[in-house]
Amino acid sequence: MTPFHSLNRQRICRPPRGFGIVTAVFLLVVLAGLGVAMVSLFSVQQTASALDIQGARAYQAARAGIEWGLYRQLRASSCQPTSTFVVPANGFTVTVRCTLTIGPGTLKRYQVVATACNQPAAGVCSAASASNNTDYVQRMLQAEF
């Protein structure tokens, strides 16, 4: 055998090199993608949870507005057309609207609508308050008696 022939034989029998680095890079890319997906999912879940809590607070503020409007009419015998107040416990603004309609005969009918929101426009909660802000929460309750 010639020395050149034995060198070729050693090169042919040697296992290929560099395949381990390709596998490692592939695994790192896949794991990084999974990590980004998990962080994104966690962020969306936290935002949804916070909005759910804000929705419950808005509902309770609107309910307080309904109770306040009913109290004003039943105890104080005054149905103010529109009034607005801020709930100190959660900072929601509540707009209470009371309307009087005369039914058949002399039957008086009152309607109280309470709208609570966390970002009022000009200090009043209304449909115009709804903006493209993702943190905006509004709840509306209505009572008739």
N, C-alpha and C. Protein backbone atom coordinates (compact mmCIF):
# COMPACT_ATOMS: atom_id res chain seq x y z
N MET A 1 0.81 -1.17 0.00
CA MET A 1 0.00 0.00 0.00
C MET A 1 0.86 1.24 0.00
N THR A 2 0.32 2.19 -0.65
CA THR A 2 1.03 3.45 -0.70
C THR A 2 0.56 4.34 0.43
N PRO A 3 1.37 5.27 0.85
CA PRO A 3 0.95 6.15 1.94
C PRO A 3 -0.29 6.98 1.57
N PHE A 4 -0.40 7.35 0.29
CA PHE A 4 -1.56 8.14 -0.11
C PHE A 4 -2.85 7.35 0.05
N HIS A 5 -2.79 6.05 -0.29
CA HIS A 5 -3.97 5.20 -0.17
C HIS A 5 -4.41 5.05 1.29
N SER A 6 -3.50 4.96 2.21
CA SER A 6 -3.87 4.81 3.62
C SER A 6 -4.47 6.10 4.18
N LEU A 7 -4.04 7.26 3.69
CA LEU A 7 -4.63 8.52 4.13
C LEU A 7 -6.09 8.62 3.70
N ASN A 8 -6.38 8.21 2.50
CA ASN A 8 -7.77 8.24 2.02
C ASN A 8 -8.64 7.30 2.82
N ARG A 9 -8.09 6.18 3.18
CA ARG A 9 -8.86 5.22 3.94
C ARG A 9 -9.20 5.77 5.33
N GLN A 10 -8.28 6.50 5.94
CA GLN A 10 -8.55 7.08 7.25
C GLN A 10 -9.63 8.15 7.15
N ARG A 11 -9.64 8.93 6.10
CA ARG A 11 -10.66 9.97 5.93
C ARG A 11 -12.03 9.36 5.69
N ILE A 12 -12.11 8.27 5.00
CA ILE A 12 -13.38 7.64 4.70
C ILE A 12 -13.97 7.00 5.96
N CYS A 13 -13.17 6.41 6.80
CA CYS A 13 -13.67 5.73 7.99
C CYS A 13 -13.99 6.68 9.14
N ARG A 14 -13.51 7.89 9.09
CA ARG A 14 -13.72 8.82 10.18
C ARG A 14 -15.19 9.28 10.17
N PRO A 15 -15.85 9.34 11.34
CA PRO A 15 -17.25 9.79 11.38
C PRO A 15 -17.35 11.26 10.99
N PRO A 16 -18.46 11.66 10.40
CA PRO A 16 -18.62 13.05 9.97
C PRO A 16 -18.65 13.98 11.18
N ARG A 17 -18.05 15.15 11.03
CA ARG A 17 -18.00 16.11 12.12
C ARG A 17 -18.90 17.30 11.80
N GLY A 18 -19.38 18.01 12.87
CA GLY A 18 -20.19 19.20 12.68
C GLY A 18 -21.69 18.94 12.74
N PHE A 19 -22.11 17.71 12.79
CA PHE A 19 -23.54 17.43 12.84
C PHE A 19 -24.12 17.77 14.21
N GLY A 20 -23.36 17.63 15.26
CA GLY A 20 -23.81 17.94 16.62
C GLY A 20 -24.15 19.41 16.78
N ILE A 21 -23.39 20.30 16.15
CA ILE A 21 -23.66 21.73 16.28
C ILE A 21 -24.96 22.10 15.58
N VAL A 22 -25.26 21.47 14.45
CA VAL A 22 -26.51 21.72 13.74
C VAL A 22 -27.69 21.27 14.60
N THR A 23 -27.58 20.14 15.23
CA THR A 23 -28.63 19.64 16.11
C THR A 23 -28.82 20.58 17.30
N ALA A 24 -27.74 21.04 17.87
CA ALA A 24 -27.82 21.94 19.02
C ALA A 24 -28.48 23.26 18.64
N VAL A 25 -28.13 23.83 17.51
CA VAL A 25 -28.74 25.09 17.06
C VAL A 25 -30.23 24.88 16.81
N PHE A 26 -30.59 23.76 16.18
CA PHE A 26 -32.00 23.47 15.93
C PHE A 26 -32.78 23.37 17.23
N LEU A 27 -32.25 22.67 18.21
CA LEU A 27 -32.92 22.54 19.50
C LEU A 27 -33.04 23.88 20.21
N LEU A 28 -32.01 24.72 20.13
CA LEU A 28 -32.08 26.04 20.74
C LEU A 28 -33.17 26.91 20.10
N VAL A 29 -33.28 26.84 18.78
CA VAL A 29 -34.31 27.62 18.09
C VAL A 29 -35.70 27.14 18.47
N VAL A 30 -35.90 25.83 18.53
CA VAL A 30 -37.20 25.28 18.91
C VAL A 30 -37.55 25.65 20.34
N LEU A 31 -36.61 25.53 21.26
CA LEU A 31 -36.86 25.88 22.66
C LEU A 31 -37.12 27.37 22.82
N ALA A 32 -36.41 28.21 22.08
CA ALA A 32 -36.66 29.66 22.14
C ALA A 32 -38.06 29.98 21.63
N GLY A 33 -38.49 29.33 20.57
CA GLY A 33 -39.85 29.53 20.05
C GLY A 33 -40.90 29.12 21.06
N LEU A 34 -40.68 28.00 21.73
CA LEU A 34 -41.62 27.57 22.77
C LEU A 34 -41.65 28.56 23.93
N GLY A 35 -40.50 29.09 24.30
CA GLY A 35 -40.45 30.08 25.38
C GLY A 35 -41.20 31.35 25.01
N VAL A 36 -41.04 31.82 23.79
CA VAL A 36 -41.76 33.01 23.35
C VAL A 36 -43.26 32.75 23.34
N ALA A 37 -43.68 31.59 22.88
CA ALA A 37 -45.11 31.24 22.86
C ALA A 37 -45.68 31.19 24.27
N MET A 38 -44.93 30.64 25.21
CA MET A 38 -45.42 30.55 26.58
C MET A 38 -45.53 31.94 27.22
N VAL A 39 -44.56 32.81 26.98
CA VAL A 39 -44.61 34.17 27.53
C VAL A 39 -45.79 34.93 26.93
N SER A 40 -46.02 34.78 25.64
CA SER A 40 -47.15 35.44 24.99
C SER A 40 -48.47 34.94 25.55
N LEU A 41 -48.60 33.65 25.72
CA LEU A 41 -49.83 33.08 26.28
C LEU A 41 -50.06 33.56 27.71
N PHE A 42 -49.01 33.62 28.50
CA PHE A 42 -49.11 34.10 29.88
C PHE A 42 -49.55 35.56 29.91
N SER A 43 -49.02 36.37 29.02
CA SER A 43 -49.37 37.78 28.96
C SER A 43 -50.85 37.97 28.60
N VAL A 44 -51.33 37.22 27.63
CA VAL A 44 -52.74 37.30 27.23
C VAL A 44 -53.63 36.85 28.38
N GLN A 45 -53.23 35.81 29.07
CA GLN A 45 -54.03 35.30 30.20
C GLN A 45 -54.11 36.33 31.32
N GLN A 46 -53.00 37.01 31.62
CA GLN A 46 -53.00 38.02 32.67
C GLN A 46 -53.88 39.21 32.29
N THR A 47 -53.83 39.62 31.04
CA THR A 47 -54.66 40.73 30.57
C THR A 47 -56.14 40.37 30.66
N ALA A 48 -56.49 39.17 30.24
CA ALA A 48 -57.89 38.73 30.30
C ALA A 48 -58.37 38.66 31.75
N SER A 49 -57.53 38.20 32.63
CA SER A 49 -57.90 38.12 34.04
C SER A 49 -58.11 39.51 34.63
N ALA A 50 -57.24 40.45 34.29
CA ALA A 50 -57.38 41.82 34.80
C ALA A 50 -58.66 42.46 34.27
N LEU A 51 -58.99 42.23 33.00
CA LEU A 51 -60.22 42.79 32.44
C LEU A 51 -61.46 42.14 33.07
N ASP A 52 -61.36 40.88 33.41
CA ASP A 52 -62.48 40.21 34.08
C ASP A 52 -62.73 40.83 35.45
N ILE A 53 -61.68 41.10 36.18
CA ILE A 53 -61.82 41.75 37.49
C ILE A 53 -62.39 43.15 37.33
N GLN A 54 -61.91 43.90 36.34
CA GLN A 54 -62.44 45.24 36.09
C GLN A 54 -63.92 45.19 35.71
N GLY A 55 -64.31 44.17 34.96
CA GLY A 55 -65.72 44.01 34.59
C GLY A 55 -66.59 43.77 35.81
N ALA A 56 -66.11 42.96 36.75
CA ALA A 56 -66.86 42.72 37.98
C ALA A 56 -66.97 44.00 38.81
N ARG A 57 -65.90 44.77 38.86
CA ARG A 57 -65.94 46.04 39.59
C ARG A 57 -66.92 47.02 38.93
N ALA A 58 -66.92 47.05 37.61
CA ALA A 58 -67.86 47.94 36.89
C ALA A 58 -69.30 47.51 37.15
N TYR A 59 -69.55 46.21 37.17
CA TYR A 59 -70.91 45.72 37.46
C TYR A 59 -71.35 46.15 38.85
N GLN A 60 -70.47 46.02 39.84
CA GLN A 60 -70.82 46.40 41.20
C GLN A 60 -71.05 47.91 41.32
N ALA A 61 -70.25 48.68 40.58
CA ALA A 61 -70.44 50.13 40.59
C ALA A 61 -71.78 50.50 39.95
N ALA A 62 -72.14 49.84 38.85
CA ALA A 62 -73.44 50.10 38.21
C ALA A 62 -74.59 49.69 39.13
N ARG A 63 -74.39 48.60 39.84
CA ARG A 63 -75.42 48.16 40.79
C ARG A 63 -75.59 49.19 41.91
N ALA A 64 -74.49 49.75 42.38
CA ALA A 64 -74.58 50.82 43.39
C ALA A 64 -75.32 52.02 42.82
N GLY A 65 -75.10 52.31 41.54
CA GLY A 65 -75.82 53.41 40.90
C GLY A 65 -77.32 53.15 40.84
N ILE A 66 -77.71 51.92 40.53
CA ILE A 66 -79.13 51.56 40.50
C ILE A 66 -79.74 51.72 41.90
N GLU A 67 -79.05 51.23 42.90
CA GLU A 67 -79.56 51.34 44.27
C GLU A 67 -79.67 52.79 44.71
N TRP A 68 -78.70 53.61 44.30
CA TRP A 68 -78.74 55.02 44.66
C TRP A 68 -79.93 55.69 43.97
N GLY A 69 -80.14 55.40 42.68
CA GLY A 69 -81.27 55.98 41.96
C GLY A 69 -82.61 55.55 42.54
N LEU A 70 -82.73 54.27 42.92
CA LEU A 70 -83.95 53.78 43.54
C LEU A 70 -84.18 54.45 44.89
N TYR A 71 -83.13 54.61 45.65
CA TYR A 71 -83.25 55.28 46.96
C TYR A 71 -83.73 56.72 46.78
N ARG A 72 -83.10 57.43 45.82
CA ARG A 72 -83.48 58.83 45.59
C ARG A 72 -84.96 58.94 45.23
N GLN A 73 -85.47 58.02 44.45
CA GLN A 73 -86.87 58.11 44.03
C GLN A 73 -87.82 57.64 45.13
N LEU A 74 -87.51 56.52 45.75
CA LEU A 74 -88.43 55.94 46.72
C LEU A 74 -88.43 56.69 48.06
N ARG A 75 -87.26 57.11 48.54
CA ARG A 75 -87.18 57.75 49.85
C ARG A 75 -87.26 59.27 49.76
N ALA A 76 -86.58 59.83 48.81
CA ALA A 76 -86.53 61.29 48.71
C ALA A 76 -87.58 61.82 47.73
N SER A 77 -88.26 60.94 47.03
CA SER A 77 -89.30 61.29 46.05
C SER A 77 -88.82 62.29 45.00
N SER A 78 -87.60 62.12 44.56
CA SER A 78 -87.09 62.97 43.49
C SER A 78 -86.38 62.10 42.47
N CYS A 79 -86.78 62.25 41.26
CA CYS A 79 -86.15 61.51 40.16
C CYS A 79 -85.32 62.50 39.37
N GLN A 80 -84.05 62.61 39.72
CA GLN A 80 -83.17 63.54 39.01
C GLN A 80 -82.92 62.99 37.62
N PRO A 81 -82.98 63.83 36.59
CA PRO A 81 -82.79 63.34 35.23
C PRO A 81 -81.45 62.64 35.03
N THR A 82 -80.36 63.27 35.42
CA THR A 82 -79.03 62.66 35.28
C THR A 82 -78.15 63.13 36.41
N SER A 83 -77.43 62.20 37.00
CA SER A 83 -76.44 62.55 38.02
C SER A 83 -75.25 61.61 37.87
N THR A 84 -74.12 62.10 38.29
CA THR A 84 -72.88 61.34 38.15
C THR A 84 -72.12 61.38 39.47
N PHE A 85 -71.53 60.25 39.84
CA PHE A 85 -70.68 60.20 41.02
C PHE A 85 -69.57 59.18 40.79
N VAL A 86 -68.56 59.26 41.63
CA VAL A 86 -67.42 58.35 41.56
C VAL A 86 -67.47 57.43 42.77
N VAL A 87 -67.33 56.13 42.52
CA VAL A 87 -67.28 55.16 43.62
C VAL A 87 -65.86 55.21 44.19
N PRO A 88 -65.71 55.62 45.45
CA PRO A 88 -64.36 55.78 46.01
C PRO A 88 -63.58 54.47 46.09
N ALA A 89 -64.26 53.35 46.30
CA ALA A 89 -63.56 52.08 46.51
C ALA A 89 -62.80 51.62 45.28
N ASN A 90 -63.34 51.86 44.09
CA ASN A 90 -62.66 51.34 42.91
C ASN A 90 -62.41 52.38 41.84
N GLY A 91 -62.85 53.62 42.04
CA GLY A 91 -62.55 54.69 41.11
C GLY A 91 -63.41 54.71 39.86
N PHE A 92 -64.46 53.92 39.79
CA PHE A 92 -65.34 53.93 38.63
C PHE A 92 -66.29 55.11 38.70
N THR A 93 -66.56 55.70 37.57
CA THR A 93 -67.53 56.78 37.47
C THR A 93 -68.88 56.17 37.09
N VAL A 94 -69.92 56.58 37.80
CA VAL A 94 -71.26 56.05 37.56
C VAL A 94 -72.17 57.20 37.15
N THR A 95 -72.84 57.02 36.02
CA THR A 95 -73.84 57.98 35.56
C THR A 95 -75.21 57.35 35.72
N VAL A 96 -76.08 58.00 36.49
CA VAL A 96 -77.42 57.49 36.77
C VAL A 96 -78.42 58.40 36.06
N ARG A 97 -79.27 57.80 35.25
CA ARG A 97 -80.30 58.52 34.52
C ARG A 97 -81.66 58.02 34.96
N CYS A 98 -82.53 58.94 35.33
CA CYS A 98 -83.87 58.58 35.79
C CYS A 98 -84.89 59.28 34.88
N THR A 99 -85.82 58.51 34.38
CA THR A 99 -86.88 59.08 33.54
C THR A 99 -88.23 58.64 34.07
N LEU A 100 -89.19 59.54 33.93
CA LEU A 100 -90.56 59.29 34.37
C LEU A 100 -91.45 59.24 33.14
N THR A 101 -92.22 58.20 33.03
CA THR A 101 -93.20 58.09 31.95
C THR A 101 -94.56 57.82 32.58
N ILE A 102 -95.58 58.40 31.97
CA ILE A 102 -96.94 58.19 32.45
C ILE A 102 -97.54 57.07 31.62
N GLY A 103 -97.97 56.01 32.31
CA GLY A 103 -98.55 54.86 31.64
C GLY A 103 -100.04 55.07 31.40
N PRO A 104 -100.78 54.00 31.20
CA PRO A 104 -102.22 54.12 31.00
C PRO A 104 -102.88 54.74 32.23
N GLY A 105 -103.76 55.68 32.00
CA GLY A 105 -104.40 56.37 33.12
C GLY A 105 -103.41 57.33 33.75
N THR A 106 -103.26 57.26 35.04
CA THR A 106 -102.32 58.13 35.76
C THR A 106 -101.18 57.32 36.37
N LEU A 107 -100.93 56.14 35.86
CA LEU A 107 -99.89 55.27 36.39
C LEU A 107 -98.51 55.85 36.04
N LYS A 108 -97.73 56.13 37.08
CA LYS A 108 -96.38 56.65 36.87
C LYS A 108 -95.42 55.48 36.79
N ARG A 109 -94.51 55.60 35.87
CA ARG A 109 -93.52 54.54 35.67
C ARG A 109 -92.14 55.18 35.61
N TYR A 110 -91.24 54.68 36.45
CA TYR A 110 -89.89 55.22 36.50
C TYR A 110 -88.91 54.20 35.90
N GLN A 111 -87.93 54.75 35.23
CA GLN A 111 -86.86 53.91 34.69
C GLN A 111 -85.53 54.51 35.15
N VAL A 112 -84.72 53.69 35.81
CA VAL A 112 -83.41 54.12 36.28
C VAL A 112 -82.36 53.31 35.52
N VAL A 113 -81.45 54.02 34.87
CA VAL A 113 -80.37 53.38 34.12
C VAL A 113 -79.06 53.87 34.71
N ALA A 114 -78.24 52.92 35.14
CA ALA A 114 -76.92 53.25 35.70
C ALA A 114 -75.84 52.70 34.78
N THR A 115 -74.92 53.56 34.40
CA THR A 115 -73.81 53.18 33.55
C THR A 115 -72.52 53.46 34.31
N ALA A 116 -71.69 52.44 34.48
CA ALA A 116 -70.41 52.60 35.18
C ALA A 116 -69.28 52.34 34.19
N CYS A 117 -68.26 53.17 34.26
CA CYS A 117 -67.10 52.99 33.38
C CYS A 117 -65.84 53.45 34.12
N ASN A 118 -64.71 53.00 33.62
CA ASN A 118 -63.45 53.36 34.27
C ASN A 118 -62.75 54.54 33.59
N GLN A 119 -63.21 54.94 32.40
CA GLN A 119 -62.60 56.07 31.69
C GLN A 119 -63.70 56.91 31.06
N PRO A 120 -64.35 57.78 31.85
CA PRO A 120 -65.46 58.56 31.31
C PRO A 120 -64.98 59.67 30.37
N ALA A 121 -65.85 60.03 29.44
CA ALA A 121 -65.57 61.16 28.55
C ALA A 121 -66.25 62.39 29.13
N ALA A 122 -65.49 63.41 29.42
CA ALA A 122 -65.99 64.65 30.03
C ALA A 122 -66.70 64.37 31.34
N GLY A 123 -66.25 63.37 32.09
CA GLY A 123 -66.79 63.07 33.40
C GLY A 123 -68.09 62.30 33.40
N VAL A 124 -68.57 61.86 32.24
CA VAL A 124 -69.84 61.15 32.14
C VAL A 124 -69.64 59.85 31.35
N CYS A 125 -70.23 58.77 31.85
CA CYS A 125 -70.18 57.50 31.13
C CYS A 125 -71.30 57.48 30.09
N SER A 126 -70.95 57.22 28.87
CA SER A 126 -71.94 57.11 27.80
C SER A 126 -71.35 56.26 26.68
N ALA A 127 -72.13 56.05 25.64
CA ALA A 127 -71.63 55.28 24.50
C ALA A 127 -70.46 56.00 23.85
N ALA A 128 -70.43 57.32 23.94
CA ALA A 128 -69.32 58.08 23.36
C ALA A 128 -68.03 57.89 24.15
N SER A 129 -68.14 57.42 25.39
CA SER A 129 -66.94 57.19 26.21
C SER A 129 -66.11 56.03 25.68
N ALA A 130 -66.78 55.08 25.05
CA ALA A 130 -66.08 53.89 24.56
C ALA A 130 -65.09 54.32 23.48
N SER A 131 -63.84 54.06 23.74
CA SER A 131 -62.80 54.40 22.78
C SER A 131 -62.10 53.12 22.34
N ASN A 132 -61.07 53.28 21.60
CA ASN A 132 -60.31 52.12 21.14
C ASN A 132 -59.29 51.66 22.17
N ASN A 133 -59.43 52.13 23.40
CA ASN A 133 -58.52 51.73 24.46
C ASN A 133 -58.86 50.31 24.92
N THR A 134 -57.87 49.46 25.02
CA THR A 134 -58.12 48.07 25.39
C THR A 134 -58.43 47.91 26.88
N ASP A 135 -58.18 48.95 27.68
CA ASP A 135 -58.44 48.87 29.11
C ASP A 135 -59.82 49.40 29.49
N TYR A 136 -60.59 49.86 28.54
CA TYR A 136 -61.89 50.46 28.83
C TYR A 136 -62.90 49.39 29.21
N VAL A 137 -63.62 49.64 30.32
CA VAL A 137 -64.64 48.70 30.80
C VAL A 137 -65.90 49.51 31.11
N GLN A 138 -67.05 49.00 30.67
CA GLN A 138 -68.31 49.68 30.93
C GLN A 138 -69.39 48.64 31.18
N ARG A 139 -70.25 48.90 32.16
CA ARG A 139 -71.40 48.05 32.45
C ARG A 139 -72.61 48.95 32.63
N MET A 140 -73.76 48.48 32.12
CA MET A 140 -74.99 49.25 32.23
C MET A 140 -76.08 48.37 32.81
N LEU A 141 -76.79 48.88 33.83
CA LEU A 141 -77.91 48.18 34.43
C LEU A 141 -79.15 49.06 34.36
N GLN A 142 -80.30 48.42 34.30
CA GLN A 142 -81.55 49.15 34.17
C GLN A 142 -82.60 48.56 35.11
N ALA A 143 -83.37 49.45 35.73
CA ALA A 143 -84.46 49.01 36.61
C ALA A 143 -85.70 49.84 36.28
N GLU A 144 -86.83 49.17 36.26
CA GLU A 144 -88.10 49.86 36.02
C GLU A 144 -89.04 49.53 37.17
N PHE A 145 -89.75 50.54 37.61
CA PHE A 145 -90.72 50.33 38.68
C PHE A 145 -91.83 51.34 38.55
